[in-house]
Amino acid sequence: MKGMVFTEFLDFVGESFGEDMVDDIIEVSALPSGGAYTSVGTYSHGEMVALCGALADRTQQPVGDLVRAFGERLSDTFARDFPDFFRRAGNLFDFLESIEAHIHIEVRKLYPDAELPRFVVEERTAARMVLLYTSPRKMGHLSEGLILGSARQFGVDVRVTLHALDVDEGMSTRFVVDLV
């Protein structure tokens, strides 16, 4: 995973639970990197799993809820740092449809070694979009948070329903995104 995700996660933890919590989860996670991340570095997905697990243990909150909340915050960072992606789309569904064909292409230009999830639009109507997310890293809740945060960027309310699907190479999640 790209270091930017790690640095943003630690910022999220510090803002949400305090800097002592950041130190605590790094310490108990026994990370190969020691928790010293740079935004352009690449780190093992296992480190993120360890940090999220440690945060869930200490806060007594489900991992999925914490990762979803982080995803919502991460969408704010993306909107701030990459506003053209949002402006170019015009609406939430156009934005979500552009992930594979435009956004991930640009990300690969910046980070050729990035291991990105796949998003395939299975259905699209005026009020509903069905997306299939596939990744060996099983971060469906992060993507859910990113969808919810992106909806906020476009000023729309959505209901997102997840359907986890087992696949051979990791995990797929079908997201049903309904405008409300």
N, C-alpha and C. Protein backbone atom coordinates (compact mmCIF):
# COMPACT_ATOMS: atom_id res chain seq x y z
N MET A 1 0.85 -1.18 0.00
CA MET A 1 0.00 0.00 0.00
C MET A 1 0.89 1.24 0.00
N LYS A 2 0.38 2.28 -0.62
CA LYS A 2 1.13 3.52 -0.68
C LYS A 2 1.18 4.19 0.70
N GLY A 3 2.32 4.79 0.97
CA GLY A 3 2.55 5.42 2.25
C GLY A 3 1.57 6.53 2.57
N MET A 4 1.06 7.18 1.54
CA MET A 4 0.10 8.26 1.77
C MET A 4 -1.11 7.75 2.55
N VAL A 5 -1.53 6.53 2.29
CA VAL A 5 -2.67 5.96 3.02
C VAL A 5 -2.30 5.78 4.49
N PHE A 6 -1.07 5.36 4.75
CA PHE A 6 -0.62 5.18 6.13
C PHE A 6 -0.50 6.51 6.86
N THR A 7 0.10 7.50 6.21
CA THR A 7 0.26 8.80 6.89
C THR A 7 -1.11 9.42 7.17
N GLU A 8 -2.03 9.28 6.22
CA GLU A 8 -3.38 9.81 6.44
C GLU A 8 -4.10 9.04 7.54
N PHE A 9 -3.88 7.73 7.61
CA PHE A 9 -4.51 6.94 8.67
C PHE A 9 -4.02 7.39 10.03
N LEU A 10 -2.71 7.59 10.18
CA LEU A 10 -2.20 8.03 11.48
C LEU A 10 -2.69 9.43 11.83
N ASP A 11 -2.84 10.30 10.82
CA ASP A 11 -3.43 11.62 11.07
C ASP A 11 -4.88 11.47 11.54
N PHE A 12 -5.63 10.58 10.89
CA PHE A 12 -7.02 10.31 11.28
C PHE A 12 -7.09 9.83 12.73
N VAL A 13 -6.21 8.90 13.09
CA VAL A 13 -6.20 8.38 14.46
C VAL A 13 -5.88 9.49 15.44
N GLY A 14 -4.87 10.30 15.13
CA GLY A 14 -4.50 11.40 16.02
C GLY A 14 -5.62 12.41 16.20
N GLU A 15 -6.29 12.76 15.10
CA GLU A 15 -7.39 13.72 15.19
C GLU A 15 -8.60 13.15 15.92
N SER A 16 -8.86 11.87 15.72
CA SER A 16 -10.06 11.25 16.28
C SER A 16 -9.87 10.75 17.71
N PHE A 17 -8.66 10.28 18.04
CA PHE A 17 -8.45 9.61 19.33
C PHE A 17 -7.26 10.15 20.12
N GLY A 18 -6.51 11.08 19.54
CA GLY A 18 -5.37 11.67 20.23
C GLY A 18 -4.05 11.06 19.81
N GLU A 19 -3.01 11.87 19.96
CA GLU A 19 -1.67 11.44 19.55
C GLU A 19 -1.15 10.28 20.39
N ASP A 20 -1.58 10.18 21.64
CA ASP A 20 -1.15 9.04 22.46
C ASP A 20 -1.64 7.73 21.86
N MET A 21 -2.83 7.76 21.27
CA MET A 21 -3.36 6.55 20.64
C MET A 21 -2.49 6.15 19.44
N VAL A 22 -2.01 7.13 18.69
CA VAL A 22 -1.13 6.84 17.56
C VAL A 22 0.10 6.09 18.06
N ASP A 23 0.73 6.63 19.10
CA ASP A 23 1.91 5.98 19.66
C ASP A 23 1.59 4.58 20.17
N ASP A 24 0.45 4.43 20.84
CA ASP A 24 0.05 3.13 21.40
C ASP A 24 -0.12 2.07 20.31
N ILE A 25 -0.85 2.42 19.24
CA ILE A 25 -1.12 1.38 18.23
C ILE A 25 0.14 1.03 17.44
N ILE A 26 1.02 2.00 17.24
CA ILE A 26 2.30 1.69 16.58
C ILE A 26 3.12 0.76 17.45
N GLU A 27 3.16 1.07 18.74
CA GLU A 27 3.97 0.27 19.66
C GLU A 27 3.50 -1.18 19.75
N VAL A 28 2.21 -1.40 19.88
CA VAL A 28 1.71 -2.77 20.06
C VAL A 28 1.63 -3.55 18.75
N SER A 29 1.74 -2.88 17.62
CA SER A 29 1.59 -3.57 16.34
C SER A 29 2.86 -4.25 15.84
N ALA A 30 4.00 -3.97 16.44
CA ALA A 30 5.27 -4.60 16.04
C ALA A 30 5.45 -4.55 14.52
N LEU A 31 5.46 -3.34 14.00
CA LEU A 31 5.51 -3.12 12.55
C LEU A 31 6.94 -3.22 12.02
N PRO A 32 7.14 -3.91 10.91
CA PRO A 32 8.48 -3.96 10.31
C PRO A 32 9.05 -2.57 10.01
N SER A 33 8.18 -1.63 9.65
CA SER A 33 8.64 -0.27 9.35
C SER A 33 8.85 0.55 10.60
N GLY A 34 8.40 0.05 11.73
CA GLY A 34 8.47 0.83 12.96
C GLY A 34 7.44 1.95 13.00
N GLY A 35 6.56 1.99 12.01
CA GLY A 35 5.54 3.05 11.96
C GLY A 35 6.07 4.35 11.39
N ALA A 36 7.25 4.31 10.79
CA ALA A 36 7.83 5.50 10.17
C ALA A 36 7.49 5.47 8.69
N TYR A 37 6.44 6.18 8.31
CA TYR A 37 5.95 6.15 6.94
C TYR A 37 6.23 7.46 6.23
N THR A 38 6.51 7.35 4.93
CA THR A 38 6.57 8.53 4.07
C THR A 38 5.44 8.40 3.07
N SER A 39 4.93 9.51 2.60
CA SER A 39 3.77 9.47 1.71
C SER A 39 4.07 8.78 0.38
N VAL A 40 5.32 8.77 -0.05
CA VAL A 40 5.66 8.15 -1.34
C VAL A 40 6.19 6.73 -1.20
N GLY A 41 6.35 6.25 0.03
CA GLY A 41 6.84 4.90 0.23
C GLY A 41 5.76 3.87 -0.04
N THR A 42 6.17 2.61 -0.08
CA THR A 42 5.24 1.50 -0.23
C THR A 42 5.46 0.56 0.94
N TYR A 43 4.35 0.16 1.57
CA TYR A 43 4.42 -0.65 2.79
C TYR A 43 3.46 -1.82 2.70
N SER A 44 3.72 -2.81 3.49
CA SER A 44 2.90 -4.01 3.49
C SER A 44 1.48 -3.73 3.98
N HIS A 45 0.54 -4.28 3.28
CA HIS A 45 -0.86 -4.19 3.70
C HIS A 45 -1.04 -4.76 5.11
N GLY A 46 -0.21 -5.73 5.46
CA GLY A 46 -0.27 -6.32 6.79
C GLY A 46 -0.07 -5.30 7.90
N GLU A 47 0.72 -4.27 7.62
CA GLU A 47 0.90 -3.23 8.63
C GLU A 47 -0.39 -2.46 8.87
N MET A 48 -1.14 -2.19 7.80
CA MET A 48 -2.42 -1.49 7.97
C MET A 48 -3.40 -2.36 8.74
N VAL A 49 -3.41 -3.64 8.44
CA VAL A 49 -4.29 -4.57 9.16
C VAL A 49 -3.94 -4.56 10.65
N ALA A 50 -2.65 -4.60 10.96
CA ALA A 50 -2.21 -4.58 12.36
C ALA A 50 -2.61 -3.29 13.05
N LEU A 51 -2.42 -2.16 12.39
CA LEU A 51 -2.78 -0.87 12.99
C LEU A 51 -4.29 -0.77 13.23
N CYS A 52 -5.07 -1.21 12.26
CA CYS A 52 -6.53 -1.15 12.40
C CYS A 52 -7.00 -2.08 13.52
N GLY A 53 -6.40 -3.26 13.60
CA GLY A 53 -6.75 -4.19 14.67
C GLY A 53 -6.42 -3.63 16.04
N ALA A 54 -5.24 -3.02 16.15
CA ALA A 54 -4.84 -2.42 17.43
C ALA A 54 -5.78 -1.28 17.81
N LEU A 55 -6.18 -0.47 16.82
CA LEU A 55 -7.09 0.63 17.11
C LEU A 55 -8.45 0.10 17.55
N ALA A 56 -8.93 -0.94 16.90
CA ALA A 56 -10.21 -1.54 17.27
C ALA A 56 -10.15 -2.11 18.69
N ASP A 57 -9.05 -2.77 19.02
CA ASP A 57 -8.89 -3.32 20.37
C ASP A 57 -8.93 -2.23 21.43
N ARG A 58 -8.26 -1.12 21.16
CA ARG A 58 -8.16 -0.06 22.16
C ARG A 58 -9.42 0.79 22.26
N THR A 59 -10.14 0.93 21.17
CA THR A 59 -11.34 1.78 21.20
C THR A 59 -12.61 0.98 21.42
N GLN A 60 -12.50 -0.35 21.33
CA GLN A 60 -13.67 -1.23 21.44
C GLN A 60 -14.72 -0.93 20.37
N GLN A 61 -14.24 -0.54 19.20
CA GLN A 61 -15.11 -0.30 18.05
C GLN A 61 -14.80 -1.33 16.98
N PRO A 62 -15.79 -1.74 16.21
CA PRO A 62 -15.53 -2.70 15.13
C PRO A 62 -14.55 -2.13 14.10
N VAL A 63 -13.66 -2.99 13.62
CA VAL A 63 -12.67 -2.58 12.63
C VAL A 63 -13.37 -1.95 11.42
N GLY A 64 -14.44 -2.58 10.93
CA GLY A 64 -15.14 -2.06 9.76
C GLY A 64 -15.62 -0.64 9.93
N ASP A 65 -16.14 -0.33 11.13
CA ASP A 65 -16.62 1.03 11.39
C ASP A 65 -15.47 2.03 11.36
N LEU A 66 -14.34 1.65 11.95
CA LEU A 66 -13.18 2.54 11.98
C LEU A 66 -12.62 2.76 10.58
N VAL A 67 -12.52 1.70 9.80
CA VAL A 67 -11.97 1.81 8.45
C VAL A 67 -12.91 2.61 7.56
N ARG A 68 -14.22 2.43 7.73
CA ARG A 68 -15.20 3.22 6.96
C ARG A 68 -15.05 4.70 7.29
N ALA A 69 -14.93 5.04 8.58
CA ALA A 69 -14.75 6.44 8.98
C ALA A 69 -13.46 7.01 8.41
N PHE A 70 -12.40 6.20 8.40
CA PHE A 70 -11.15 6.65 7.80
C PHE A 70 -11.35 6.90 6.30
N GLY A 71 -12.06 6.03 5.62
CA GLY A 71 -12.31 6.21 4.19
C GLY A 71 -13.04 7.51 3.91
N GLU A 72 -14.01 7.85 4.77
CA GLU A 72 -14.73 9.12 4.58
C GLU A 72 -13.76 10.29 4.71
N ARG A 73 -12.88 10.22 5.69
CA ARG A 73 -11.91 11.30 5.87
C ARG A 73 -10.91 11.33 4.71
N LEU A 74 -10.51 10.16 4.23
CA LEU A 74 -9.55 10.08 3.13
C LEU A 74 -10.13 10.71 1.86
N SER A 75 -11.43 10.61 1.68
CA SER A 75 -12.04 11.25 0.50
C SER A 75 -11.87 12.76 0.56
N ASP A 76 -11.90 13.33 1.77
CA ASP A 76 -11.65 14.78 1.92
C ASP A 76 -10.24 15.12 1.45
N THR A 77 -9.28 14.27 1.81
CA THR A 77 -7.90 14.49 1.39
C THR A 77 -7.79 14.41 -0.13
N PHE A 78 -8.43 13.40 -0.72
CA PHE A 78 -8.39 13.26 -2.18
C PHE A 78 -9.03 14.47 -2.86
N ALA A 79 -10.14 14.94 -2.33
CA ALA A 79 -10.82 16.11 -2.92
C ALA A 79 -9.94 17.35 -2.82
N ARG A 80 -9.22 17.47 -1.72
CA ARG A 80 -8.32 18.62 -1.54
C ARG A 80 -7.10 18.52 -2.45
N ASP A 81 -6.50 17.33 -2.52
CA ASP A 81 -5.25 17.17 -3.26
C ASP A 81 -5.44 16.92 -4.76
N PHE A 82 -6.60 16.41 -5.13
CA PHE A 82 -6.87 16.08 -6.54
C PHE A 82 -8.24 16.61 -6.96
N PRO A 83 -8.46 17.91 -6.84
CA PRO A 83 -9.80 18.46 -7.09
C PRO A 83 -10.28 18.27 -8.53
N ASP A 84 -9.35 18.16 -9.48
CA ASP A 84 -9.77 17.99 -10.88
C ASP A 84 -10.55 16.71 -11.10
N PHE A 85 -10.22 15.65 -10.37
CA PHE A 85 -10.97 14.41 -10.51
C PHE A 85 -12.44 14.62 -10.17
N PHE A 86 -12.69 15.42 -9.16
CA PHE A 86 -14.06 15.67 -8.72
C PHE A 86 -14.75 16.66 -9.66
N ARG A 87 -14.05 17.73 -10.02
CA ARG A 87 -14.64 18.74 -10.90
C ARG A 87 -14.97 18.17 -12.28
N ARG A 88 -14.08 17.37 -12.78
CA ARG A 88 -14.26 16.79 -14.11
C ARG A 88 -15.49 15.89 -14.18
N ALA A 89 -15.81 15.22 -13.08
CA ALA A 89 -16.91 14.25 -13.08
C ALA A 89 -18.27 14.94 -13.09
N GLY A 90 -18.46 15.96 -12.29
CA GLY A 90 -19.74 16.66 -12.27
C GLY A 90 -20.78 16.08 -11.34
N ASN A 91 -20.82 14.75 -11.19
CA ASN A 91 -21.76 14.14 -10.24
C ASN A 91 -21.14 12.85 -9.70
N LEU A 92 -21.74 12.34 -8.64
CA LEU A 92 -21.17 11.18 -7.95
C LEU A 92 -21.04 9.97 -8.86
N PHE A 93 -22.08 9.64 -9.61
CA PHE A 93 -22.01 8.43 -10.42
C PHE A 93 -20.99 8.54 -11.53
N ASP A 94 -20.87 9.72 -12.14
CA ASP A 94 -19.82 9.91 -13.14
C ASP A 94 -18.44 9.76 -12.50
N PHE A 95 -18.31 10.29 -11.29
CA PHE A 95 -17.04 10.18 -10.57
C PHE A 95 -16.70 8.71 -10.29
N LEU A 96 -17.66 7.96 -9.75
CA LEU A 96 -17.40 6.56 -9.44
C LEU A 96 -17.09 5.76 -10.71
N GLU A 97 -17.76 6.09 -11.79
CA GLU A 97 -17.51 5.40 -13.05
C GLU A 97 -16.12 5.74 -13.61
N SER A 98 -15.57 6.89 -13.22
CA SER A 98 -14.27 7.31 -13.73
C SER A 98 -13.09 6.70 -12.98
N ILE A 99 -13.33 5.99 -11.91
CA ILE A 99 -12.23 5.47 -11.09
C ILE A 99 -11.28 4.62 -11.93
N GLU A 100 -11.81 3.61 -12.59
CA GLU A 100 -10.96 2.69 -13.36
C GLU A 100 -10.38 3.35 -14.59
N ALA A 101 -11.23 4.03 -15.36
CA ALA A 101 -10.83 4.54 -16.68
C ALA A 101 -9.97 5.80 -16.62
N HIS A 102 -10.07 6.57 -15.55
CA HIS A 102 -9.33 7.84 -15.50
C HIS A 102 -8.45 7.96 -14.25
N ILE A 103 -9.06 7.84 -13.09
CA ILE A 103 -8.33 8.10 -11.85
C ILE A 103 -7.19 7.11 -11.67
N HIS A 104 -7.47 5.82 -11.81
CA HIS A 104 -6.40 4.83 -11.60
C HIS A 104 -5.30 4.94 -12.65
N ILE A 105 -5.63 5.37 -13.84
CA ILE A 105 -4.59 5.59 -14.86
C ILE A 105 -3.65 6.70 -14.40
N GLU A 106 -4.21 7.78 -13.88
CA GLU A 106 -3.38 8.89 -13.39
C GLU A 106 -2.57 8.48 -12.16
N VAL A 107 -3.17 7.69 -11.27
CA VAL A 107 -2.44 7.22 -10.10
C VAL A 107 -1.24 6.36 -10.54
N ARG A 108 -1.44 5.51 -11.53
CA ARG A 108 -0.34 4.67 -12.01
C ARG A 108 0.78 5.49 -12.64
N LYS A 109 0.45 6.64 -13.21
CA LYS A 109 1.49 7.52 -13.74
C LYS A 109 2.37 8.05 -12.61
N LEU A 110 1.74 8.40 -11.49
CA LEU A 110 2.48 8.92 -10.34
C LEU A 110 3.19 7.81 -9.58
N TYR A 111 2.51 6.67 -9.45
CA TYR A 111 3.02 5.55 -8.65
C TYR A 111 2.93 4.27 -9.47
N PRO A 112 3.91 4.02 -10.33
CA PRO A 112 3.83 2.84 -11.22
C PRO A 112 3.72 1.51 -10.47
N ASP A 113 4.21 1.48 -9.23
CA ASP A 113 4.17 0.23 -8.47
C ASP A 113 2.90 0.09 -7.63
N ALA A 114 1.98 1.03 -7.74
CA ALA A 114 0.75 0.98 -6.93
C ALA A 114 -0.07 -0.26 -7.28
N GLU A 115 -0.54 -0.94 -6.25
CA GLU A 115 -1.41 -2.11 -6.41
C GLU A 115 -2.82 -1.65 -6.10
N LEU A 116 -3.55 -1.31 -7.14
CA LEU A 116 -4.86 -0.70 -6.97
C LEU A 116 -5.97 -1.73 -7.05
N PRO A 117 -7.05 -1.49 -6.32
CA PRO A 117 -8.20 -2.38 -6.47
C PRO A 117 -8.86 -2.13 -7.82
N ARG A 118 -9.77 -3.03 -8.19
CA ARG A 118 -10.54 -2.85 -9.43
C ARG A 118 -11.97 -2.50 -9.08
N PHE A 119 -12.53 -1.58 -9.85
CA PHE A 119 -13.93 -1.19 -9.71
C PHE A 119 -14.60 -1.35 -11.07
N VAL A 120 -15.61 -2.19 -11.12
CA VAL A 120 -16.35 -2.43 -12.35
C VAL A 120 -17.80 -2.01 -12.12
N VAL A 121 -18.31 -1.16 -12.99
CA VAL A 121 -19.72 -0.75 -12.90
C VAL A 121 -20.55 -1.88 -13.50
N GLU A 122 -21.41 -2.45 -12.68
CA GLU A 122 -22.28 -3.54 -13.15
C GLU A 122 -23.65 -3.03 -13.59
N GLU A 123 -24.07 -1.93 -13.00
CA GLU A 123 -25.39 -1.37 -13.32
C GLU A 123 -25.36 0.11 -13.00
N ARG A 124 -26.07 0.88 -13.80
CA ARG A 124 -26.20 2.31 -13.52
C ARG A 124 -27.54 2.81 -14.04
N THR A 125 -28.28 3.43 -13.13
CA THR A 125 -29.52 4.11 -13.50
C THR A 125 -29.40 5.53 -12.95
N ALA A 126 -30.44 6.31 -13.08
CA ALA A 126 -30.39 7.68 -12.57
C ALA A 126 -30.27 7.72 -11.05
N ALA A 127 -30.78 6.69 -10.36
CA ALA A 127 -30.80 6.71 -8.90
C ALA A 127 -29.99 5.60 -8.24
N ARG A 128 -29.38 4.71 -9.03
CA ARG A 128 -28.65 3.58 -8.46
C ARG A 128 -27.43 3.25 -9.30
N MET A 129 -26.36 2.89 -8.57
CA MET A 129 -25.17 2.36 -9.22
C MET A 129 -24.75 1.12 -8.46
N VAL A 130 -24.39 0.09 -9.20
CA VAL A 130 -23.87 -1.13 -8.60
C VAL A 130 -22.42 -1.27 -9.07
N LEU A 131 -21.52 -1.31 -8.10
CA LEU A 131 -20.07 -1.42 -8.37
C LEU A 131 -19.54 -2.71 -7.80
N LEU A 132 -18.67 -3.37 -8.54
CA LEU A 132 -17.98 -4.54 -8.04
C LEU A 132 -16.54 -4.14 -7.74
N TYR A 133 -16.16 -4.28 -6.47
CA TYR A 133 -14.80 -3.98 -6.00
C TYR A 133 -14.08 -5.31 -5.82
N THR A 134 -12.87 -5.39 -6.35
CA THR A 134 -12.06 -6.60 -6.18
C THR A 134 -10.65 -6.19 -5.78
N SER A 135 -10.15 -6.84 -4.71
CA SER A 135 -8.80 -6.55 -4.24
C SER A 135 -8.33 -7.69 -3.35
N PRO A 136 -7.06 -8.05 -3.43
CA PRO A 136 -6.54 -9.05 -2.50
C PRO A 136 -6.40 -8.50 -1.08
N ARG A 137 -6.53 -7.18 -0.91
CA ARG A 137 -6.31 -6.57 0.40
C ARG A 137 -7.57 -6.48 1.26
N LYS A 138 -8.70 -6.84 0.74
CA LYS A 138 -9.93 -6.92 1.53
C LYS A 138 -10.22 -5.63 2.29
N MET A 139 -10.25 -4.51 1.57
CA MET A 139 -10.50 -3.21 2.20
C MET A 139 -11.83 -2.62 1.73
N GLY A 140 -12.84 -3.47 1.66
CA GLY A 140 -14.16 -3.03 1.22
C GLY A 140 -14.71 -1.90 2.06
N HIS A 141 -14.48 -1.94 3.37
CA HIS A 141 -15.00 -0.87 4.23
C HIS A 141 -14.31 0.46 3.95
N LEU A 142 -13.04 0.42 3.56
CA LEU A 142 -12.36 1.65 3.17
C LEU A 142 -13.02 2.23 1.92
N SER A 143 -13.30 1.37 0.95
CA SER A 143 -13.97 1.83 -0.27
C SER A 143 -15.37 2.35 0.03
N GLU A 144 -16.07 1.70 0.95
CA GLU A 144 -17.38 2.20 1.35
C GLU A 144 -17.27 3.62 1.90
N GLY A 145 -16.29 3.84 2.77
CA GLY A 145 -16.08 5.17 3.31
C GLY A 145 -15.73 6.18 2.24
N LEU A 146 -14.91 5.76 1.27
CA LEU A 146 -14.57 6.66 0.16
C LEU A 146 -15.80 7.01 -0.66
N ILE A 147 -16.70 6.04 -0.87
CA ILE A 147 -17.93 6.32 -1.61
C ILE A 147 -18.79 7.31 -0.82
N LEU A 148 -18.94 7.07 0.48
CA LEU A 148 -19.75 7.97 1.31
C LEU A 148 -19.15 9.37 1.35
N GLY A 149 -17.84 9.45 1.48
CA GLY A 149 -17.18 10.75 1.49
C GLY A 149 -17.28 11.45 0.15
N SER A 150 -17.20 10.70 -0.93
CA SER A 150 -17.34 11.29 -2.26
C SER A 150 -18.75 11.81 -2.46
N ALA A 151 -19.73 11.09 -1.97
CA ALA A 151 -21.12 11.57 -2.06
C ALA A 151 -21.25 12.92 -1.36
N ARG A 152 -20.61 13.04 -0.22
CA ARG A 152 -20.63 14.32 0.51
C ARG A 152 -19.97 15.42 -0.33
N GLN A 153 -18.89 15.09 -1.03
CA GLN A 153 -18.22 16.07 -1.88
C GLN A 153 -19.16 16.60 -2.96
N PHE A 154 -20.04 15.72 -3.45
CA PHE A 154 -20.98 16.11 -4.49
C PHE A 154 -22.31 16.61 -3.95
N GLY A 155 -22.43 16.65 -2.61
CA GLY A 155 -23.63 17.20 -1.99
C GLY A 155 -24.87 16.32 -2.14
N VAL A 156 -24.66 14.99 -2.21
CA VAL A 156 -25.80 14.08 -2.31
C VAL A 156 -25.79 13.10 -1.15
N ASP A 157 -26.98 12.68 -0.78
CA ASP A 157 -27.12 11.66 0.25
C ASP A 157 -27.29 10.31 -0.44
N VAL A 158 -26.58 9.32 0.09
CA VAL A 158 -26.65 7.98 -0.48
C VAL A 158 -26.82 6.94 0.62
N ARG A 159 -27.33 5.82 0.21
CA ARG A 159 -27.33 4.62 1.05
C ARG A 159 -26.45 3.62 0.31
N VAL A 160 -25.46 3.10 1.01
CA VAL A 160 -24.55 2.13 0.41
C VAL A 160 -24.76 0.79 1.10
N THR A 161 -25.05 -0.22 0.29
CA THR A 161 -25.23 -1.57 0.79
C THR A 161 -24.09 -2.42 0.27
N LEU A 162 -23.46 -3.18 1.16
CA LEU A 162 -22.34 -4.04 0.79
C LEU A 162 -22.79 -5.49 0.75
N HIS A 163 -22.30 -6.20 -0.25
CA HIS A 163 -22.50 -7.64 -0.35
C HIS A 163 -21.12 -8.25 -0.57
N ALA A 164 -20.58 -8.89 0.46
CA ALA A 164 -19.26 -9.51 0.35
C ALA A 164 -19.36 -10.78 -0.48
N LEU A 165 -18.41 -10.95 -1.37
CA LEU A 165 -18.36 -12.11 -2.26
C LEU A 165 -17.01 -12.78 -2.10
N ASP A 166 -16.97 -14.08 -1.95
CA ASP A 166 -15.71 -14.80 -1.87
C ASP A 166 -15.19 -15.07 -3.27
N VAL A 167 -13.92 -14.78 -3.48
CA VAL A 167 -13.26 -15.09 -4.74
C VAL A 167 -11.91 -15.71 -4.43
N ASP A 168 -11.29 -16.31 -5.42
CA ASP A 168 -10.02 -17.01 -5.20
C ASP A 168 -8.88 -16.08 -4.82
N GLU A 169 -8.81 -14.91 -5.44
CA GLU A 169 -7.67 -14.01 -5.21
C GLU A 169 -8.02 -12.84 -4.32
N GLY A 170 -8.54 -13.09 -3.13
CA GLY A 170 -8.80 -12.00 -2.21
C GLY A 170 -10.26 -11.84 -1.90
N MET A 171 -10.80 -10.71 -2.27
CA MET A 171 -12.17 -10.42 -1.89
C MET A 171 -12.80 -9.51 -2.92
N SER A 172 -14.06 -9.74 -3.13
CA SER A 172 -14.85 -8.82 -3.92
C SER A 172 -16.00 -8.36 -3.05
N THR A 173 -16.41 -7.15 -3.27
CA THR A 173 -17.57 -6.60 -2.60
C THR A 173 -18.42 -5.93 -3.66
N ARG A 174 -19.69 -6.23 -3.63
CA ARG A 174 -20.62 -5.54 -4.52
C ARG A 174 -21.22 -4.40 -3.68
N PHE A 175 -21.06 -3.20 -4.20
CA PHE A 175 -21.63 -2.01 -3.57
C PHE A 175 -22.86 -1.60 -4.34
N VAL A 176 -23.97 -1.48 -3.65
CA VAL A 176 -25.18 -0.92 -4.25
C VAL A 176 -25.31 0.48 -3.67
N VAL A 177 -25.19 1.48 -4.53
CA VAL A 177 -25.22 2.88 -4.11
C VAL A 177 -26.53 3.48 -4.60
N ASP A 178 -27.41 3.81 -3.64
CA ASP A 178 -28.71 4.40 -3.98
C ASP A 178 -28.73 5.85 -3.54
N LEU A 179 -29.15 6.73 -4.44
CA LEU A 179 -29.38 8.12 -4.05
C LEU A 179 -30.63 8.15 -3.18
N VAL A 180 -30.59 8.93 -2.10
CA VAL A 180 -31.77 9.04 -1.21
C VAL A 180 -32.23 10.47 -1.15
